[in-house]
Amino acid sequence: METTSAATMQKPLTAPEQIRLQIGLQGEEGTKTDSPFKVGTYTLKAERFNKVSTIMITTFADGKEKTDNFDTMSSMSKADGEVKITAVTADSVSGEINVTEGDKTIKGTFTAKLPKK
């Protein structure tokens, strides 16, 4: 993924093998938008801190993008699971995700390039 700006991170998908996974995390108390990532576990069931706040997966099929959101905000949500950040460097973040909601599942490891500051 091109991470030079927020606009290029939203570049349209153009092939079936391309997938975009967006994960929003709420850190510990006192964390600000520009705070660096920290190694730790973030859950969907947390109330305020160390919480998974957003999960969106975008795929490409039949010539168009399809975005599917996991319900991470509703008190009636059936979504459950966690995201573990296992390593953070100056230019990347790595971890594991294991989240389900009904018949939807995202499970595996990831490494994401961080935008340059």
Protein backbone atom coordinates (compact mmCIF):
# COMPACT_ATOMS: atom_id res chain seq x y z
CA MET A 1 0.00 0.00 0.00
CA GLU A 2 1.21 3.46 -0.81
CA THR A 3 1.38 5.36 2.50
CA THR A 4 2.65 8.78 1.48
CA SER A 5 -0.74 10.38 2.22
CA ALA A 6 -4.25 9.51 3.36
CA ALA A 7 -5.49 9.98 -0.22
CA THR A 8 -3.13 7.38 -1.70
CA MET A 9 -4.04 4.91 1.03
CA GLN A 10 -7.59 5.03 -0.40
CA LYS A 11 -6.43 4.40 -3.97
CA PRO A 12 -9.07 2.27 -5.73
CA LEU A 13 -8.52 -1.47 -5.93
CA THR A 14 -8.20 -2.76 -9.48
CA ALA A 15 -7.71 -6.55 -9.29
CA PRO A 16 -9.41 -9.48 -7.49
CA GLU A 17 -6.26 -10.36 -5.52
CA GLN A 18 -6.19 -6.89 -3.93
CA ILE A 19 -7.69 -6.43 -0.48
CA ARG A 20 -7.67 -3.42 1.84
CA LEU A 21 -8.11 -3.96 5.57
CA GLN A 22 -8.61 -0.92 7.76
CA ILE A 23 -8.33 -1.34 11.51
CA GLY A 24 -9.04 1.52 13.92
CA LEU A 25 -7.61 1.19 17.41
CA GLN A 26 -8.27 3.22 20.54
CA GLY A 27 -5.14 3.17 22.73
CA GLU A 28 -4.74 3.46 26.45
CA GLU A 29 -5.99 6.47 28.38
CA GLY A 30 -4.19 9.66 27.37
CA THR A 31 -3.40 8.43 23.85
CA LYS A 32 -3.66 11.12 21.16
CA THR A 33 -4.17 10.78 17.40
CA ASP A 34 -0.46 11.26 16.75
CA SER A 35 0.73 8.93 19.54
CA PRO A 36 2.91 6.07 18.28
CA PHE A 37 1.57 2.53 18.18
CA LYS A 38 2.28 0.41 21.26
CA VAL A 39 2.65 -3.34 21.53
CA GLY A 40 -0.49 -4.69 23.18
CA THR A 41 -3.87 -6.35 22.79
CA TYR A 42 -6.94 -4.44 21.61
CA THR A 43 -10.37 -6.10 21.93
CA LEU A 44 -13.81 -5.50 20.51
CA LYS A 45 -15.41 -5.87 23.94
CA ALA A 46 -13.31 -3.20 25.68
CA GLU A 47 -15.43 -0.23 26.73
CA ARG A 48 -13.09 2.75 26.28
CA PHE A 49 -9.40 1.94 26.02
CA ASN A 50 -7.29 -0.66 24.19
CA LYS A 51 -10.30 -1.14 21.96
CA VAL A 52 -10.80 -2.11 18.32
CA SER A 53 -12.98 0.76 17.13
CA THR A 54 -13.25 0.10 13.39
CA ILE A 55 -12.79 -2.83 11.01
CA MET A 56 -13.47 -2.42 7.29
CA ILE A 57 -12.45 -4.84 4.58
CA THR A 58 -12.57 -3.84 0.92
CA THR A 59 -12.35 -6.43 -1.86
CA PHE A 60 -12.52 -6.20 -5.66
CA ALA A 61 -14.81 -8.42 -7.72
CA ASP A 62 -16.92 -8.09 -10.88
CA GLY A 63 -15.17 -4.85 -11.78
CA LYS A 64 -15.95 -2.96 -8.58
CA GLU A 65 -15.01 -2.54 -4.95
CA LYS A 66 -17.12 -3.97 -2.14
CA THR A 67 -16.64 -2.75 1.43
CA ASP A 68 -17.84 -4.73 4.43
CA ASN A 69 -17.84 -3.27 7.94
CA PHE A 70 -17.75 -5.19 11.18
CA ASP A 71 -20.13 -3.80 13.82
CA THR A 72 -17.70 -2.55 16.45
CA MET A 73 -19.79 0.26 17.92
CA SER A 74 -23.25 -1.10 18.74
CA SER A 75 -23.99 -2.51 22.17
CA MET A 76 -25.95 -5.21 20.31
CA SER A 77 -22.91 -6.19 18.23
CA LYS A 78 -22.15 -9.88 17.80
CA ALA A 79 -18.57 -9.09 16.72
CA ASP A 80 -15.86 -10.49 18.97
CA GLY A 81 -12.13 -10.94 18.94
CA GLU A 82 -8.94 -9.00 19.18
CA VAL A 83 -6.04 -7.34 17.41
CA LYS A 84 -2.58 -7.83 18.89
CA ILE A 85 0.20 -5.43 17.99
CA THR A 86 3.34 -7.55 18.32
CA ALA A 87 6.05 -5.23 16.94
CA VAL A 88 6.46 -1.56 16.10
CA THR A 89 9.34 0.04 14.22
CA ALA A 90 9.82 3.56 12.87
CA ASP A 91 8.23 2.58 9.55
CA SER A 92 5.95 -0.41 10.23
CA VAL A 93 3.57 -2.09 12.65
CA SER A 94 3.05 -5.88 12.83
CA GLY A 95 0.51 -8.01 14.58
CA GLU A 96 -2.24 -10.58 14.54
CA ILE A 97 -5.97 -10.23 14.00
CA ASN A 98 -8.66 -12.71 15.00
CA VAL A 99 -12.15 -11.22 14.67
CA THR A 100 -15.52 -12.78 13.87
CA GLU A 101 -19.05 -11.48 13.39
CA GLY A 102 -21.62 -14.05 12.33
CA ASP A 103 -20.27 -15.70 9.18
CA LYS A 104 -17.51 -13.09 8.68
CA THR A 105 -13.99 -13.85 9.93
CA ILE A 106 -10.66 -12.09 9.63
CA LYS A 107 -7.75 -14.09 11.02
CA GLY A 108 -4.04 -13.92 10.39
CA THR A 109 -0.87 -11.91 10.73
CA PHE A 110 -0.14 -8.54 9.16
CA THR A 111 2.59 -5.99 8.66
CA ALA A 112 1.63 -2.49 7.60
CA LYS A 113 3.91 0.30 6.45
CA LEU A 114 3.43 3.48 8.44
CA PRO A 115 3.15 6.84 6.66
CA LYS A 116 6.30 8.93 6.68
CA LYS A 117 6.17 11.82 9.14
